[in-house]
Every structure is written in structure tokens, then in C-alpha cells.
Amino acid sequence: MQNLPDFIRDIAKQIREAHHQLRGPKFTAEYAALVDRMFADSYAKIFENLQAGNGSAIEFGLVFIEVQPYFFRSQYIRTQLIRKLKQTKLSSLQAERLKRVLDSDHEKKMKRKIRI
């Protein structure tokens, strides 16, 4: 079995390839199927599971935001996951992982603002 970060990267690569090769409704259908596959059969369900405090959903959300996969709408998905994780009761270790990601994002943003 492939580990979770590699699984997310692999599906992200498939989405990028489909985005490059397919157009219109063909891409939309393929994109939806791949995103649902990445999110264990349902993109919408991950947010319900996060709100319920489901441990595997929390782990998936944390790994997703740590890995920062790149594909169509991935930044939007990442932002939504961060918002939901902030509202979820996390263990101290999980909270530290989220804080590391947020601190890293903030640091990157500050470096971009400083450049001339």
C-alpha cells in the first residue's frame, strides 16, 4: 500500500495530466472522479468527517496541507481544509502540525512582500 503523501502526489499528477489532455465535460468528469478518489470516495464527506473529529479525516487534511499538491483548484481545497481544521478539535500533536504549516505559509507570504 502506498503511503498517504505519495498517494496524494500521485492523484495530483493524474489530475494535472487530465487537465492538460482533456477539455470541457470530459475533464470535468475525470477531475471529479480523481478528486473523489483522492478524498476516499467523497470530497464533500471529508468536511463532514473533519467536523465530527474523525481521526483519519484529520490526518488526511493535515497531510494534504503539508504536502501542498499542485493541481486544478488545489489551493482552494487546501484553504478550505485549513479553515475546517482550525475549527476542529485537534490533539496537541495535530495542532502543532497545523501551526507549522500556517507559520510556514506566513513566512513565505512575508518574504514575497519584501521582494522588490
Protein backbone atom coordinates (compact mmCIF):
# COMPACT_ATOMS: atom_id res chain seq x y z
CA MET A 1 0.00 0.00 0.00
CA GLN A 2 1.27 3.43 -0.98
CA ASN A 3 1.80 5.91 1.86
CA LEU A 4 -0.61 8.85 2.10
CA PRO A 5 1.72 11.67 0.93
CA ASP A 6 2.76 9.63 -2.13
CA PHE A 7 -0.88 8.72 -2.83
CA ILE A 8 -1.90 12.40 -2.76
CA ARG A 9 1.02 13.35 -5.04
CA ASP A 10 0.13 10.53 -7.46
CA ILE A 11 -3.52 11.58 -7.77
CA ALA A 12 -2.45 15.24 -8.12
CA LYS A 13 -0.20 14.20 -11.02
CA GLN A 14 -3.11 12.34 -12.65
CA ILE A 15 -5.32 15.42 -12.29
CA ARG A 16 -2.64 17.65 -13.88
CA GLU A 17 -2.28 15.20 -16.78
CA ALA A 18 -6.06 15.01 -17.29
CA HIS A 19 -6.27 18.82 -17.18
CA HIS A 20 -3.59 19.02 -19.86
CA GLN A 21 -5.09 16.32 -22.11
CA LEU A 22 -8.85 16.71 -21.74
CA ARG A 23 -11.17 19.63 -22.31
CA GLY A 24 -14.68 20.55 -21.24
CA PRO A 25 -17.05 17.91 -19.90
CA LYS A 26 -14.51 15.11 -20.30
CA PHE A 27 -12.09 16.88 -17.97
CA THR A 28 -14.85 17.83 -15.52
CA ALA A 29 -15.95 14.21 -15.15
CA GLU A 30 -12.39 12.90 -14.86
CA TYR A 31 -11.47 15.66 -12.39
CA ALA A 32 -14.45 14.90 -10.15
CA ALA A 33 -13.67 11.18 -10.16
CA LEU A 34 -9.99 11.72 -9.32
CA VAL A 35 -10.71 14.23 -6.55
CA ASP A 36 -13.28 11.89 -5.00
CA ARG A 37 -10.74 9.06 -5.23
CA MET A 38 -8.12 11.22 -3.51
CA PHE A 39 -10.59 12.04 -0.75
CA ALA A 40 -11.51 8.39 -0.12
CA ASP A 41 -14.61 8.33 -2.32
CA SER A 42 -16.11 11.72 -1.47
CA TYR A 43 -14.68 15.22 -1.46
CA ALA A 44 -17.77 16.57 0.32
CA LYS A 45 -17.65 13.90 3.03
CA ILE A 46 -14.15 14.91 4.21
CA PHE A 47 -15.53 18.17 5.62
CA GLU A 48 -18.31 16.37 7.49
CA ASN A 49 -15.76 13.91 8.87
CA LEU A 50 -13.46 16.74 9.95
CA GLN A 51 -16.29 18.46 11.76
CA ALA A 52 -17.12 15.16 13.50
CA GLY A 53 -13.50 14.86 14.63
CA ASN A 54 -12.81 11.72 12.60
CA GLY A 55 -9.13 10.84 13.13
CA SER A 56 -8.45 9.58 9.60
CA ALA A 57 -10.09 12.69 8.09
CA ILE A 58 -7.95 14.92 10.31
CA GLU A 59 -4.81 13.01 9.30
CA PHE A 60 -5.75 13.27 5.62
CA GLY A 61 -6.40 17.02 5.94
CA LEU A 62 -3.09 17.60 7.71
CA VAL A 63 -1.12 15.55 5.19
CA PHE A 64 -2.84 17.32 2.29
CA ILE A 65 -1.94 20.78 3.57
CA GLU A 66 1.61 19.65 4.45
CA VAL A 67 2.22 18.08 1.02
CA GLN A 68 0.69 21.04 -0.87
CA PRO A 69 -0.18 19.06 -4.00
CA TYR A 70 -0.49 21.13 -7.15
CA PHE A 71 -3.44 20.62 -9.47
CA PHE A 72 -6.53 22.45 -10.72
CA ARG A 73 -8.24 24.09 -7.68
CA SER A 74 -5.77 22.56 -5.20
CA GLN A 75 -5.12 25.88 -3.45
CA TYR A 76 -8.84 26.39 -2.97
CA ILE A 77 -9.18 22.90 -1.50
CA ARG A 78 -6.15 23.49 0.74
CA THR A 79 -7.62 26.77 2.02
CA GLN A 80 -10.94 25.08 2.78
CA LEU A 81 -9.16 22.28 4.66
CA ILE A 82 -7.15 24.76 6.72
CA ARG A 83 -10.32 26.64 7.66
CA LYS A 84 -12.06 23.43 8.71
CA LEU A 85 -9.02 22.13 10.60
CA LYS A 86 -8.87 25.39 12.56
CA GLN A 87 -12.45 24.72 13.68
CA THR A 88 -11.78 21.07 14.59
CA LYS A 89 -10.71 19.80 18.00
CA LEU A 90 -7.13 18.61 17.43
CA SER A 91 -4.67 16.78 19.63
CA SER A 92 -1.61 18.75 20.71
CA LEU A 93 0.50 16.98 18.06
CA GLN A 94 -2.07 17.68 15.34
CA ALA A 95 -2.35 21.31 16.44
CA GLU A 96 1.44 21.64 16.26
CA ARG A 97 1.46 20.24 12.72
CA LEU A 98 -1.23 22.73 11.67
CA LYS A 99 0.68 25.57 13.32
CA ARG A 100 3.87 24.61 11.45
CA VAL A 101 2.03 24.78 8.14
CA LEU A 102 0.44 28.13 8.98
CA ASP A 103 3.75 29.57 10.19
CA SER A 104 5.48 28.38 7.02
CA ASP A 105 2.74 29.90 4.85
CA HIS A 106 3.01 33.19 6.74
CA GLU A 107 6.79 33.23 6.38
CA LYS A 108 6.55 32.63 2.63
CA LYS A 109 3.98 35.40 2.30
CA MET A 110 6.19 37.85 4.19
CA LYS A 111 9.20 37.02 2.00
CA ARG A 112 7.13 37.73 -1.13
CA LYS A 113 6.10 41.12 0.25
CA ILE A 114 9.70 42.12 0.98
CA ARG A 115 10.99 41.45 -2.52
CA ILE A 116 11.33 44.43 -4.82
